[in-house]
Amino acid sequence: MLHLKESLRILKWLNPALADDLILMLPLWDFSPTWLELFNTHDYHASQAETSLMLHWCPEVVRKKIVMDKPAVAGRLREDPDSYQKRVSFTDLKQEIVQTSQREDVKIGVMGYPERASAALGAKIEKECIENASKAIARAIRDADKARKTGARIHHADNEKLKILSL
């Protein structure tokens, strides 16, 4: 998602007509303290949080029997959710864009603890997301409208020097 946000920043940079457009990227978990706390317990994808939301929203699509990868694979995915990726290249040059696919040992891809899920937790997370996101979005729209009218802008310092060397 970091790269998507950077791509959207570049889109605005290359399209001056978008200068007065407010574009928000809204990962739902940013608005749920409960969901964010579950991230701290290594609960990522097909997790307690996501499964709880599905049990709340659409319980008929949630499998009764939890299916997991082998314990070593499931543990690795919880420790490093990006470890499902297999990256290959033709050369060892850092400039080469690698080909990414899913590792062969990942059969299921659960990166959390779906067995801990409940519809009640899903309802709590949903409530937090709706309440907190709606306030944040409304405030952002008000602030953007005011800034458009007054010409005010927040200037962001970029203290990371020579980013080009990190490519």
N, C-alpha and C. Protein backbone atom coordinates (compact mmCIF):
# COMPACT_ATOMS: atom_id res chain seq x y z
N MET A 1 0.82 -1.19 0.00
CA MET A 1 0.00 0.00 0.00
C MET A 1 0.86 1.26 0.00
N LEU A 2 2.04 1.14 0.56
CA LEU A 2 2.97 2.27 0.54
C LEU A 2 3.25 2.70 -0.89
N HIS A 3 3.45 1.72 -1.76
CA HIS A 3 3.77 2.03 -3.15
C HIS A 3 2.56 2.61 -3.89
N LEU A 4 1.36 2.15 -3.54
CA LEU A 4 0.15 2.72 -4.13
C LEU A 4 0.02 4.19 -3.74
N LYS A 5 0.27 4.48 -2.47
CA LYS A 5 0.18 5.87 -2.02
C LYS A 5 1.21 6.73 -2.75
N GLU A 6 2.41 6.22 -2.92
CA GLU A 6 3.45 6.96 -3.65
C GLU A 6 3.04 7.15 -5.11
N SER A 7 2.41 6.15 -5.71
CA SER A 7 1.93 6.27 -7.09
C SER A 7 0.87 7.37 -7.21
N LEU A 8 -0.01 7.44 -6.23
CA LEU A 8 -1.04 8.49 -6.25
C LEU A 8 -0.41 9.87 -6.07
N ARG A 9 0.63 9.97 -5.24
CA ARG A 9 1.34 11.24 -5.09
C ARG A 9 1.95 11.67 -6.42
N ILE A 10 2.54 10.72 -7.13
CA ILE A 10 3.14 11.02 -8.43
C ILE A 10 2.06 11.40 -9.44
N LEU A 11 0.90 10.74 -9.37
CA LEU A 11 -0.22 11.10 -10.24
C LEU A 11 -0.58 12.57 -10.07
N LYS A 12 -0.67 13.02 -8.82
CA LYS A 12 -0.99 14.44 -8.58
C LYS A 12 0.14 15.35 -9.05
N TRP A 13 1.36 14.90 -8.90
CA TRP A 13 2.52 15.69 -9.32
C TRP A 13 2.52 15.88 -10.84
N LEU A 14 2.23 14.82 -11.57
CA LEU A 14 2.28 14.86 -13.03
C LEU A 14 1.02 15.46 -13.65
N ASN A 15 -0.01 15.66 -12.83
CA ASN A 15 -1.27 16.21 -13.32
C ASN A 15 -1.64 17.44 -12.50
N PRO A 16 -1.11 18.60 -12.84
CA PRO A 16 -1.38 19.82 -12.07
C PRO A 16 -2.87 20.12 -11.93
N ALA A 17 -3.69 19.61 -12.83
CA ALA A 17 -5.13 19.84 -12.72
C ALA A 17 -5.70 19.20 -11.46
N LEU A 18 -4.96 18.27 -10.85
CA LEU A 18 -5.43 17.61 -9.62
C LEU A 18 -5.00 18.35 -8.36
N ALA A 19 -4.33 19.48 -8.50
CA ALA A 19 -3.78 20.20 -7.34
C ALA A 19 -4.84 20.54 -6.31
N ASP A 20 -6.06 20.81 -6.74
CA ASP A 20 -7.12 21.16 -5.80
C ASP A 20 -8.01 19.97 -5.45
N ASP A 21 -7.63 18.78 -5.88
CA ASP A 21 -8.40 17.58 -5.56
C ASP A 21 -7.86 16.92 -4.31
N LEU A 22 -8.76 16.53 -3.43
CA LEU A 22 -8.41 15.80 -2.22
C LEU A 22 -8.51 14.31 -2.54
N ILE A 23 -7.41 13.61 -2.48
CA ILE A 23 -7.40 12.16 -2.68
C ILE A 23 -6.97 11.53 -1.37
N LEU A 24 -7.79 10.67 -0.84
CA LEU A 24 -7.48 10.00 0.42
C LEU A 24 -7.31 8.50 0.18
N MET A 25 -6.35 7.92 0.83
CA MET A 25 -6.19 6.47 0.84
C MET A 25 -6.53 6.03 2.26
N LEU A 26 -7.54 5.20 2.40
CA LEU A 26 -8.12 4.94 3.71
C LEU A 26 -8.08 3.46 4.10
N PRO A 27 -6.96 2.95 4.55
CA PRO A 27 -6.99 1.59 5.10
C PRO A 27 -7.91 1.58 6.32
N LEU A 28 -8.89 0.71 6.32
CA LEU A 28 -9.87 0.71 7.40
C LEU A 28 -9.25 0.57 8.78
N TRP A 29 -8.19 -0.25 8.87
CA TRP A 29 -7.60 -0.50 10.19
C TRP A 29 -7.05 0.76 10.84
N ASP A 30 -6.75 1.78 10.05
CA ASP A 30 -6.27 3.04 10.63
C ASP A 30 -7.30 3.65 11.58
N PHE A 31 -8.55 3.28 11.43
CA PHE A 31 -9.63 3.89 12.19
C PHE A 31 -10.18 2.99 13.29
N SER A 32 -9.56 1.84 13.51
CA SER A 32 -10.00 0.91 14.55
C SER A 32 -8.86 0.61 15.50
N PRO A 33 -8.89 1.16 16.71
CA PRO A 33 -7.86 0.84 17.69
C PRO A 33 -7.78 -0.67 17.97
N THR A 34 -8.92 -1.33 17.94
CA THR A 34 -8.93 -2.77 18.18
C THR A 34 -8.18 -3.51 17.09
N TRP A 35 -8.44 -3.17 15.84
CA TRP A 35 -7.76 -3.83 14.71
C TRP A 35 -6.26 -3.55 14.76
N LEU A 36 -5.89 -2.31 15.05
CA LEU A 36 -4.46 -1.98 15.13
C LEU A 36 -3.78 -2.77 16.24
N GLU A 37 -4.46 -2.96 17.36
CA GLU A 37 -3.88 -3.74 18.45
C GLU A 37 -3.70 -5.20 18.03
N LEU A 38 -4.62 -5.73 17.24
CA LEU A 38 -4.48 -7.11 16.75
C LEU A 38 -3.26 -7.25 15.84
N PHE A 39 -2.94 -6.21 15.07
CA PHE A 39 -1.71 -6.25 14.27
C PHE A 39 -0.50 -6.50 15.16
N ASN A 40 -0.51 -5.92 16.36
CA ASN A 40 0.62 -6.10 17.29
C ASN A 40 0.74 -7.53 17.78
N THR A 41 -0.30 -8.35 17.59
CA THR A 41 -0.25 -9.76 17.98
C THR A 41 0.04 -10.65 16.77
N HIS A 42 0.52 -10.05 15.68
CA HIS A 42 0.85 -10.77 14.44
C HIS A 42 -0.40 -11.34 13.78
N ASP A 43 -1.46 -10.57 13.78
CA ASP A 43 -2.74 -10.95 13.20
C ASP A 43 -2.96 -10.09 11.96
N TYR A 44 -2.70 -10.67 10.78
CA TYR A 44 -2.68 -9.88 9.55
C TYR A 44 -3.80 -10.25 8.58
N HIS A 45 -3.61 -11.28 7.76
CA HIS A 45 -4.55 -11.61 6.68
C HIS A 45 -5.31 -12.89 7.02
N ALA A 46 -6.61 -12.91 6.68
CA ALA A 46 -7.49 -14.02 7.05
C ALA A 46 -7.37 -14.25 8.55
N SER A 47 -7.42 -13.17 9.27
CA SER A 47 -7.03 -13.08 10.67
C SER A 47 -8.24 -13.02 11.59
N GLN A 48 -7.97 -12.82 12.87
CA GLN A 48 -9.04 -12.64 13.82
C GLN A 48 -9.90 -11.43 13.43
N ALA A 49 -9.25 -10.34 13.06
CA ALA A 49 -10.00 -9.12 12.70
C ALA A 49 -10.82 -9.33 11.43
N GLU A 50 -10.17 -9.77 10.35
CA GLU A 50 -10.88 -9.93 9.08
C GLU A 50 -11.97 -11.00 9.17
N THR A 51 -11.68 -12.09 9.84
CA THR A 51 -12.68 -13.15 9.98
C THR A 51 -13.84 -12.67 10.85
N SER A 52 -13.54 -11.90 11.88
CA SER A 52 -14.61 -11.35 12.73
C SER A 52 -15.52 -10.42 11.93
N LEU A 53 -14.93 -9.59 11.09
CA LEU A 53 -15.75 -8.72 10.24
C LEU A 53 -16.65 -9.54 9.33
N MET A 54 -16.10 -10.59 8.74
CA MET A 54 -16.92 -11.44 7.85
C MET A 54 -18.01 -12.17 8.63
N LEU A 55 -17.71 -12.63 9.85
CA LEU A 55 -18.74 -13.27 10.67
C LEU A 55 -19.85 -12.29 11.00
N HIS A 56 -19.51 -11.03 11.15
CA HIS A 56 -20.51 -9.99 11.42
C HIS A 56 -21.30 -9.63 10.17
N TRP A 57 -20.62 -9.46 9.05
CA TRP A 57 -21.26 -9.01 7.82
C TRP A 57 -21.94 -10.12 7.02
N CYS A 58 -21.29 -11.24 6.90
CA CYS A 58 -21.76 -12.27 5.96
C CYS A 58 -21.32 -13.65 6.47
N PRO A 59 -21.86 -14.10 7.60
CA PRO A 59 -21.36 -15.32 8.24
C PRO A 59 -21.46 -16.57 7.37
N GLU A 60 -22.38 -16.58 6.44
CA GLU A 60 -22.56 -17.78 5.61
C GLU A 60 -21.38 -18.06 4.69
N VAL A 61 -20.51 -17.10 4.46
CA VAL A 61 -19.35 -17.34 3.59
C VAL A 61 -18.10 -17.75 4.37
N VAL A 62 -18.18 -17.74 5.69
CA VAL A 62 -17.03 -18.11 6.52
C VAL A 62 -17.04 -19.62 6.73
N ARG A 63 -15.93 -20.26 6.42
CA ARG A 63 -15.80 -21.71 6.62
C ARG A 63 -15.91 -22.05 8.10
N LYS A 64 -16.65 -23.11 8.39
CA LYS A 64 -16.76 -23.57 9.78
C LYS A 64 -15.44 -24.19 10.23
N LYS A 65 -14.82 -24.96 9.32
CA LYS A 65 -13.56 -25.62 9.63
C LYS A 65 -12.42 -24.70 9.19
N ILE A 66 -11.56 -24.37 10.12
CA ILE A 66 -10.43 -23.50 9.81
C ILE A 66 -9.35 -24.32 9.13
N VAL A 67 -8.90 -23.84 8.00
CA VAL A 67 -7.84 -24.50 7.23
C VAL A 67 -6.60 -23.63 7.32
N MET A 68 -5.49 -24.27 7.65
CA MET A 68 -4.24 -23.53 7.84
C MET A 68 -3.11 -24.19 7.04
N ASP A 69 -2.08 -23.43 6.78
CA ASP A 69 -0.85 -23.99 6.24
C ASP A 69 -0.18 -24.82 7.32
N LYS A 70 0.87 -25.54 6.94
CA LYS A 70 1.65 -26.29 7.92
C LYS A 70 2.11 -25.33 9.01
N PRO A 71 2.24 -25.81 10.25
CA PRO A 71 2.58 -24.92 11.36
C PRO A 71 3.81 -24.04 11.12
N ALA A 72 4.85 -24.58 10.54
CA ALA A 72 6.06 -23.77 10.30
C ALA A 72 5.77 -22.64 9.31
N VAL A 73 4.97 -22.93 8.29
CA VAL A 73 4.63 -21.91 7.29
C VAL A 73 3.71 -20.86 7.92
N ALA A 74 2.69 -21.32 8.65
CA ALA A 74 1.77 -20.38 9.31
C ALA A 74 2.53 -19.48 10.28
N GLY A 75 3.46 -20.05 11.02
CA GLY A 75 4.25 -19.25 11.95
C GLY A 75 5.10 -18.21 11.23
N ARG A 76 5.71 -18.62 10.13
CA ARG A 76 6.54 -17.69 9.35
C ARG A 76 5.68 -16.54 8.81
N LEU A 77 4.49 -16.86 8.31
CA LEU A 77 3.60 -15.84 7.76
C LEU A 77 3.14 -14.85 8.84
N ARG A 78 2.97 -15.34 10.06
CA ARG A 78 2.59 -14.44 11.16
C ARG A 78 3.76 -13.53 11.56
N GLU A 79 4.96 -14.04 11.48
CA GLU A 79 6.14 -13.25 11.83
C GLU A 79 6.47 -12.23 10.74
N ASP A 80 6.28 -12.63 9.49
CA ASP A 80 6.60 -11.76 8.35
C ASP A 80 5.55 -11.97 7.27
N PRO A 81 4.51 -11.13 7.25
CA PRO A 81 3.43 -11.34 6.29
C PRO A 81 3.87 -11.23 4.83
N ASP A 82 5.03 -10.67 4.57
CA ASP A 82 5.53 -10.61 3.19
C ASP A 82 6.29 -11.88 2.80
N SER A 83 6.43 -12.81 3.73
CA SER A 83 7.22 -14.01 3.44
C SER A 83 6.50 -14.99 2.52
N TYR A 84 5.27 -14.68 2.12
CA TYR A 84 4.58 -15.53 1.14
C TYR A 84 5.17 -15.33 -0.25
N GLN A 85 5.94 -14.27 -0.43
CA GLN A 85 6.44 -13.91 -1.76
C GLN A 85 7.71 -14.66 -2.12
N LYS A 86 7.73 -15.13 -3.35
CA LYS A 86 8.96 -15.64 -3.95
C LYS A 86 9.38 -14.61 -4.99
N ARG A 87 10.60 -14.13 -4.87
CA ARG A 87 11.10 -13.10 -5.79
C ARG A 87 12.29 -13.65 -6.54
N VAL A 88 12.23 -13.57 -7.86
CA VAL A 88 13.32 -14.07 -8.69
C VAL A 88 13.71 -13.01 -9.70
N SER A 89 14.97 -13.09 -10.13
CA SER A 89 15.47 -12.14 -11.12
C SER A 89 16.50 -12.83 -12.00
N PHE A 90 16.86 -12.17 -13.06
CA PHE A 90 17.88 -12.69 -13.97
C PHE A 90 19.28 -12.35 -13.49
N THR A 91 19.39 -11.23 -12.77
CA THR A 91 20.71 -10.73 -12.37
C THR A 91 20.68 -10.38 -10.89
N ASP A 92 21.83 -10.02 -10.36
CA ASP A 92 21.89 -9.56 -8.98
C ASP A 92 21.92 -8.04 -8.87
N LEU A 93 21.63 -7.38 -9.98
CA LEU A 93 21.59 -5.92 -9.97
C LEU A 93 20.38 -5.43 -9.19
N LYS A 94 20.59 -4.53 -8.25
CA LYS A 94 19.47 -4.01 -7.47
C LYS A 94 18.49 -3.22 -8.34
N GLN A 95 18.93 -2.82 -9.51
CA GLN A 95 18.07 -2.04 -10.40
C GLN A 95 17.05 -2.90 -11.14
N GLU A 96 17.25 -4.20 -11.18
CA GLU A 96 16.31 -5.07 -11.89
C GLU A 96 15.01 -5.20 -11.10
N ILE A 97 13.90 -5.11 -11.80
CA ILE A 97 12.59 -5.32 -11.20
C ILE A 97 12.36 -6.83 -11.14
N VAL A 98 12.21 -7.35 -9.94
CA VAL A 98 12.09 -8.79 -9.76
C VAL A 98 10.69 -9.27 -10.11
N GLN A 99 10.60 -10.54 -10.47
CA GLN A 99 9.31 -11.20 -10.68
C GLN A 99 8.86 -11.76 -9.34
N THR A 100 7.65 -11.45 -8.95
CA THR A 100 7.13 -11.90 -7.67
C THR A 100 5.98 -12.87 -7.88
N SER A 101 6.01 -13.95 -7.13
CA SER A 101 4.91 -14.92 -7.13
C SER A 101 4.77 -15.46 -5.71
N GLN A 102 3.82 -16.34 -5.52
CA GLN A 102 3.62 -16.93 -4.20
C GLN A 102 4.54 -18.13 -4.03
N ARG A 103 5.15 -18.24 -2.86
CA ARG A 103 6.02 -19.38 -2.58
C ARG A 103 5.21 -20.67 -2.63
N GLU A 104 5.87 -21.73 -3.09
CA GLU A 104 5.20 -23.01 -3.26
C GLU A 104 4.72 -23.61 -1.94
N ASP A 105 5.40 -23.31 -0.83
CA ASP A 105 5.00 -23.91 0.45
C ASP A 105 3.78 -23.23 1.06
N VAL A 106 3.34 -22.11 0.49
CA VAL A 106 2.15 -21.42 0.99
C VAL A 106 0.95 -21.94 0.21
N LYS A 107 0.13 -22.73 0.87
CA LYS A 107 -1.05 -23.33 0.22
C LYS A 107 -2.33 -22.57 0.56
N ILE A 108 -2.39 -22.01 1.77
CA ILE A 108 -3.61 -21.36 2.25
C ILE A 108 -3.41 -19.85 2.37
N GLY A 109 -2.41 -19.41 3.08
CA GLY A 109 -2.09 -17.99 3.18
C GLY A 109 -2.67 -17.26 4.38
N VAL A 110 -3.17 -18.00 5.37
CA VAL A 110 -3.66 -17.36 6.58
C VAL A 110 -2.48 -16.76 7.33
N MET A 111 -2.59 -15.49 7.69
CA MET A 111 -1.51 -14.79 8.38
C MET A 111 -2.01 -14.24 9.70
N GLY A 112 -2.74 -15.05 10.42
CA GLY A 112 -3.29 -14.58 11.68
C GLY A 112 -3.94 -15.71 12.44
N TYR A 113 -4.93 -15.35 13.25
CA TYR A 113 -5.57 -16.28 14.16
C TYR A 113 -7.09 -16.28 13.95
N PRO A 114 -7.57 -16.85 12.85
CA PRO A 114 -9.01 -16.83 12.59
C PRO A 114 -9.82 -17.60 13.63
N GLU A 115 -9.18 -18.54 14.31
CA GLU A 115 -9.90 -19.32 15.33
C GLU A 115 -10.35 -18.45 16.50
N ARG A 116 -9.81 -17.27 16.65
CA ARG A 116 -10.18 -16.36 17.73
C ARG A 116 -11.31 -15.40 17.33
N ALA A 117 -11.80 -15.53 16.12
CA ALA A 117 -12.77 -14.57 15.57
C ALA A 117 -14.16 -14.73 16.19
N SER A 118 -14.90 -13.62 16.20
CA SER A 118 -16.30 -13.64 16.62
C SER A 118 -17.06 -12.52 15.92
N ALA A 119 -18.35 -12.74 15.73
CA ALA A 119 -19.18 -11.70 15.13
C ALA A 119 -19.22 -10.45 16.01
N ALA A 120 -19.18 -10.64 17.32
CA ALA A 120 -19.21 -9.50 18.24
C ALA A 120 -17.97 -8.62 18.05
N LEU A 121 -16.81 -9.25 17.88
CA LEU A 121 -15.59 -8.47 17.63
C LEU A 121 -15.71 -7.75 16.29
N GLY A 122 -16.27 -8.42 15.28
CA GLY A 122 -16.48 -7.77 13.99
C GLY A 122 -17.36 -6.55 14.11
N ALA A 123 -18.42 -6.64 14.91
CA ALA A 123 -19.32 -5.50 15.12
C ALA A 123 -18.57 -4.34 15.79
N LYS A 124 -17.72 -4.68 16.75
CA LYS A 124 -16.94 -3.64 17.45
C LYS A 124 -15.98 -2.94 16.49
N ILE A 125 -15.27 -3.71 15.67
CA ILE A 125 -14.33 -3.13 14.71
C ILE A 125 -15.07 -2.27 13.70
N GLU A 126 -16.20 -2.76 13.20
CA GLU A 126 -17.00 -1.99 12.25
C GLU A 126 -17.43 -0.66 12.86
N LYS A 127 -17.91 -0.69 14.09
CA LYS A 127 -18.37 0.54 14.76
C LYS A 127 -17.22 1.54 14.88
N GLU A 128 -16.05 1.06 15.29
CA GLU A 128 -14.89 1.95 15.41
C GLU A 128 -14.53 2.56 14.06
N CYS A 129 -14.51 1.73 13.02
CA CYS A 129 -14.16 2.21 11.68
C CYS A 129 -15.14 3.28 11.20
N ILE A 130 -16.42 3.01 11.35
CA ILE A 130 -17.43 3.96 10.88
C ILE A 130 -17.35 5.27 11.65
N GLU A 131 -17.30 5.18 12.98
CA GLU A 131 -17.27 6.40 13.79
C GLU A 131 -16.01 7.22 13.54
N ASN A 132 -14.87 6.57 13.57
CA ASN A 132 -13.60 7.29 13.44
C ASN A 132 -13.32 7.74 12.01
N ALA A 133 -13.61 6.90 11.04
CA ALA A 133 -13.36 7.28 9.64
C ALA A 133 -14.29 8.40 9.21
N SER A 134 -15.56 8.32 9.58
CA SER A 134 -16.49 9.36 9.15
C SER A 134 -16.09 10.73 9.71
N LYS A 135 -15.63 10.76 10.95
CA LYS A 135 -15.16 12.03 11.53
C LYS A 135 -13.91 12.53 10.81
N ALA A 136 -12.96 11.63 10.57
CA ALA A 136 -11.70 12.02 9.91
C ALA A 136 -11.95 12.50 8.48
N ILE A 137 -12.82 11.81 7.76
CA ILE A 137 -13.10 12.19 6.37
C ILE A 137 -13.84 13.53 6.33
N ALA A 138 -14.82 13.70 7.20
CA ALA A 138 -15.56 14.97 7.24
C ALA A 138 -14.61 16.12 7.56
N ARG A 139 -13.71 15.92 8.52
CA ARG A 139 -12.74 16.96 8.87
C ARG A 139 -11.81 17.25 7.69
N ALA A 140 -11.36 16.20 7.00
CA ALA A 140 -10.47 16.39 5.84
C ALA A 140 -11.16 17.18 4.74
N ILE A 141 -12.43 16.88 4.49
CA ILE A 141 -13.18 17.61 3.46
C ILE A 141 -13.34 19.07 3.85
N ARG A 142 -13.70 19.32 5.12
CA ARG A 142 -13.83 20.71 5.59
C ARG A 142 -12.50 21.46 5.47
N ASP A 143 -11.42 20.81 5.93
CA ASP A 143 -10.11 21.46 5.88
C ASP A 143 -9.67 21.73 4.44
N ALA A 144 -9.93 20.78 3.55
CA ALA A 144 -9.55 20.96 2.14
C ALA A 144 -10.36 22.09 1.51
N ASP A 145 -11.66 22.14 1.80
CA ASP A 145 -12.49 23.23 1.26
C ASP A 145 -11.99 24.59 1.74
N LYS A 146 -11.67 24.68 3.02
CA LYS A 146 -11.16 25.94 3.58
C LYS A 146 -9.82 26.30 2.93
N ALA A 147 -8.94 25.32 2.78
CA ALA A 147 -7.62 25.57 2.18
C ALA A 147 -7.75 26.02 0.72
N ARG A 148 -8.69 25.43 -0.01
CA ARG A 148 -8.90 25.86 -1.40
C ARG A 148 -9.31 27.33 -1.46
N LYS A 149 -10.20 27.73 -0.54
CA LYS A 149 -10.71 29.11 -0.54
C LYS A 149 -9.66 30.12 -0.09
N THR A 150 -8.81 29.72 0.85
CA THR A 150 -7.84 30.67 1.41
C THR A 150 -6.47 30.56 0.75
N GLY A 151 -6.25 29.48 0.03
CA GLY A 151 -4.93 29.26 -0.57
C GLY A 151 -3.92 28.66 0.39
N ALA A 152 -4.34 28.39 1.61
CA ALA A 152 -3.44 27.82 2.61
C ALA A 152 -3.07 26.38 2.24
N ARG A 153 -1.84 26.02 2.51
CA ARG A 153 -1.38 24.65 2.28
C ARG A 153 -0.44 24.27 3.41
N ILE A 154 -0.40 23.02 3.73
CA ILE A 154 0.57 22.48 4.69
C ILE A 154 1.79 22.07 3.89
N HIS A 155 2.93 22.57 4.26
CA HIS A 155 4.17 22.22 3.57
C HIS A 155 4.88 21.12 4.35
N HIS A 156 5.13 20.02 3.66
CA HIS A 156 5.76 18.86 4.30
C HIS A 156 7.25 18.87 4.04
N ALA A 157 8.01 18.80 5.11
CA ALA A 157 9.47 18.74 4.98
C ALA A 157 9.86 17.36 4.46
N ASP A 158 10.84 17.33 3.61
CA ASP A 158 11.37 16.07 3.11
C ASP A 158 12.83 16.01 3.55
N ASN A 159 13.05 15.35 4.65
CA ASN A 159 14.39 15.31 5.24
C ASN A 159 15.20 14.10 4.81
N GLU A 160 14.61 13.26 4.00
CA GLU A 160 15.35 12.09 3.52
C GLU A 160 16.14 12.50 2.29
N LYS A 161 17.42 12.56 2.43
CA LYS A 161 18.29 13.04 1.35
C LYS A 161 18.72 11.90 0.44
N LEU A 162 18.92 12.22 -0.80
CA LEU A 162 19.45 11.28 -1.80
C LEU A 162 18.63 9.99 -1.88
N LYS A 163 17.31 10.14 -1.89
CA LYS A 163 16.44 8.97 -2.03
C LYS A 163 16.75 8.20 -3.31
N ILE A 164 17.22 8.89 -4.31
CA ILE A 164 17.51 8.25 -5.58
C ILE A 164 18.53 7.11 -5.41
N LEU A 165 19.38 7.22 -4.40
CA LEU A 165 20.38 6.17 -4.18
C LEU A 165 19.77 4.90 -3.57
N SER A 166 18.54 4.98 -3.09
CA SER A 166 17.91 3.80 -2.49
C SER A 166 17.14 2.96 -3.50
N LEU A 167 17.06 3.41 -4.74
CA LEU A 167 16.33 2.66 -5.76
C LEU A 167 16.98 1.34 -6.07
